[in-house]
C-alpha atoms as a PDB file:
ATOM      1  CA  MET A   1       1.906  19.164  -1.798  1.00  0.00           C
ATOM      2  CA  ASN A   2       2.610  16.357   0.641  1.00  0.00           C
ATOM      3  CA  TRP A   3       0.870  13.023   0.484  1.00  0.00           C
ATOM      4  CA  ARG A   4      -1.717  12.329   3.150  1.00  0.00           C
ATOM      5  CA  GLU A   5      -3.110   8.887   3.823  1.00  0.00           C
ATOM      6  CA  ARG A   6      -6.799   8.826   2.990  1.00  0.00           C
ATOM      7  CA  MET A   7      -7.714   5.158   3.359  1.00  0.00           C
ATOM      8  CA  THR A   8      -6.552   2.755   6.042  1.00  0.00           C
ATOM      9  CA  ARG A   9      -8.158  -0.421   4.728  1.00  0.00           C
ATOM     10  CA  CYS A  10      -9.430  -2.200   1.658  1.00  0.00           C
ATOM     11  CA  GLU A  11     -13.107  -1.361   1.942  1.00  0.00           C
ATOM     12  CA  CYS A  12     -14.234  -4.013  -0.554  1.00  0.00           C
ATOM     13  CA  HIS A  13     -12.674  -6.799   1.509  1.00  0.00           C
ATOM     14  CA  GLU A  14     -13.018  -5.046   4.878  1.00  0.00           C
ATOM     15  CA  THR A  15      -9.325  -5.619   5.606  1.00  0.00           C
ATOM     16  CA  GLU A  16      -7.071  -3.178   7.463  1.00  0.00           C
ATOM     17  CA  PHE A  17      -3.781  -2.223   5.787  1.00  0.00           C
ATOM     18  CA  ALA A  18      -1.958  -3.503   8.897  1.00  0.00           C
ATOM     19  CA  ASP A  19      -3.433  -6.951   8.277  1.00  0.00           C
ATOM     20  CA  ILE A  20      -2.409  -6.825   4.612  1.00  0.00           C
ATOM     21  CA  ALA A  21       1.142  -5.883   5.639  1.00  0.00           C
ATOM     22  CA  GLU A  22       1.206  -8.759   8.134  1.00  0.00           C
ATOM     23  CA  THR A  23       0.132 -11.153   5.381  1.00  0.00           C
ATOM     24  CA  ALA A  24       2.965  -9.840   3.199  1.00  0.00           C
ATOM     25  CA  ARG A  25       5.473 -10.339   6.038  1.00  0.00           C
ATOM     26  CA  ARG A  26       4.172 -13.821   6.846  1.00  0.00           C
ATOM     27  CA  THR A  27       4.264 -14.992   3.227  1.00  0.00           C
ATOM     28  CA  GLY A  28       7.516 -13.212   2.356  1.00  0.00           C
ATOM     29  CA  VAL A  29       6.154 -11.329  -0.654  1.00  0.00           C
ATOM     30  CA  HIS A  30       7.184  -7.756  -1.391  1.00  0.00           C
ATOM     31  CA  GLN A  31       6.024  -6.943  -4.912  1.00  0.00           C
ATOM     32  CA  PHE A  32       2.735  -5.032  -4.840  1.00  0.00           C
ATOM     33  CA  ASP A  33       0.935  -7.375  -7.247  1.00  0.00           C
ATOM     34  CA  GLN A  34       2.050 -10.339  -5.112  1.00  0.00           C
ATOM     35  CA  VAL A  35       0.740  -8.627  -1.972  1.00  0.00           C
ATOM     36  CA  LEU A  36      -2.627  -8.214  -3.683  1.00  0.00           C
ATOM     37  CA  GLN A  37      -2.584 -11.848  -4.755  1.00  0.00           C
ATOM     38  CA  VAL A  38      -1.830 -13.336  -1.335  1.00  0.00           C
ATOM     39  CA  SER A  39      -4.118 -10.973   0.571  1.00  0.00           C
ATOM     40  CA  GLY A  40      -6.997 -11.052  -1.899  1.00  0.00           C
ATOM     41  CA  CYS A  41      -7.353  -7.304  -1.379  1.00  0.00           C
ATOM     42  CA  GLY A  42      -7.154  -4.357  -3.740  1.00  0.00           C
ATOM     43  CA  LYS A  43      -8.482  -6.225  -6.741  1.00  0.00           C
ATOM     44  CA  THR A  44     -12.132  -5.177  -6.814  1.00  0.00           C
ATOM     45  CA  CYS A  45     -12.453  -1.402  -7.098  1.00  0.00           C
ATOM     46  CA  THR A  46      -8.707  -0.579  -6.690  1.00  0.00           C
ATOM     47  CA  ALA A  47      -9.470   2.675  -4.809  1.00  0.00           C
ATOM     48  CA  CYS A  48      -7.098   1.684  -2.004  1.00  0.00           C
ATOM     49  CA  HIS A  49      -4.041   1.127  -4.221  1.00  0.00           C
ATOM     50  CA  CYS A  50      -2.353   4.489  -3.743  1.00  0.00           C
ATOM     51  CA  ASP A  51      -2.824   4.553   0.027  1.00  0.00           C
ATOM     52  CA  LEU A  52      -1.962   0.862   0.371  1.00  0.00           C
ATOM     53  CA  LYS A  53       1.271   1.263  -1.593  1.00  0.00           C
ATOM     54  CA  HIS A  54       2.288   4.160   0.626  1.00  0.00           C
ATOM     55  CA  TYR A  55       1.348   2.246   3.788  1.00  0.00           C
ATOM     56  CA  LEU A  56       3.352  -0.795   2.727  1.00  0.00           C
ATOM     57  CA  ARG A  57       6.330   1.341   1.774  1.00  0.00           C
ATOM     58  CA  ARG A  58       6.320   2.909   5.243  1.00  0.00           C
ATOM     59  CA  ASN A  59       5.578  -0.239   7.221  1.00  0.00           C
ATOM     60  CA  LEU A  60       7.322  -3.197   5.620  1.00  0.00           C
ATOM     61  CA  ASP A  61      10.952  -4.004   6.306  1.00  0.00           C
ATOM     62  CA  PRO A  62      13.757  -2.556   4.121  1.00  0.00           C
ATOM     63  CA  GLY A  63      13.739  -5.743   2.052  1.00  0.00           C
ATOM     64  CA  ALA A  64      10.369  -4.610   0.755  1.00  0.00           C
ATOM     65  CA  SER A  65      11.885  -1.747  -1.204  1.00  0.00           C
ATOM     66  CA  ALA A  66      10.262  -3.092  -4.367  1.00  0.00           C
ATOM     67  CA  ILE A  67       7.106  -1.333  -3.188  1.00  0.00           C
ATOM     68  CA  THR A  68       8.481   2.107  -3.964  1.00  0.00           C
ATOM     69  CA  PRO A  69       6.738   3.218  -7.128  1.00  0.00           C
ATOM     70  CA  ALA A  70       6.866   6.809  -8.283  1.00  0.00           C
ATOM     71  CA  LEU A  71       3.115   6.583  -8.556  1.00  0.00           C
ATOM     72  CA  VAL A  72       1.055   9.718  -8.911  1.00  0.00           C
ATOM     73  CA  CYS A  73      -2.198   9.296  -7.039  1.00  0.00           C
ATOM     74  CA  SER A  74      -5.484  10.730  -8.223  1.00  0.00           C
ATOM     75  CA  SER A  75      -4.968  13.647  -5.836  1.00  0.00           C
ATOM     76  CA  GLY A  76      -1.780  14.528  -7.699  1.00  0.00           C
ATOM     77  CA  ASP A  77       0.398  13.583  -4.720  1.00  0.00           C
ATOM     78  CA  ARG A  78       3.293  11.235  -5.345  1.00  0.00           C
ATOM     79  CA  VAL A  79       3.596   8.057  -3.302  1.00  0.00           C
ATOM     80  CA  ASP A  80       7.332   8.551  -3.006  1.00  0.00           C
ATOM     81  CA  GLU A  81       7.011  11.958  -1.321  1.00  0.00           C
ATOM     82  CA  PRO A  82       7.412  11.847   2.451  1.00  0.00           C
ATOM     83  CA  ALA A  83       4.536  13.160   4.519  1.00  0.00           C
ATOM     84  CA  ALA A  84       5.146  16.445   6.306  1.00  0.00           C
ATOM     85  CA  ALA A  85       6.168  16.043   9.929  1.00  0.00           C
END
């Protein structure tokens, strides 16, 4: 089963994943917990974590390879599986 993005923003903080990624780029952080710290997102209900990790993995530069966990999401899909084309 291929992973499919379900969320596109941190609903608790009303912040789009693209904005979170931009904050990570601007501040130079690449570890997921650091991204959460500098953005202030993903720390309330944590429902966005799986989708956010996948988004960051796809959208940050290659230097951000630290955000490549073999995380199994609640749907059973792995974050490190590529989406079907």
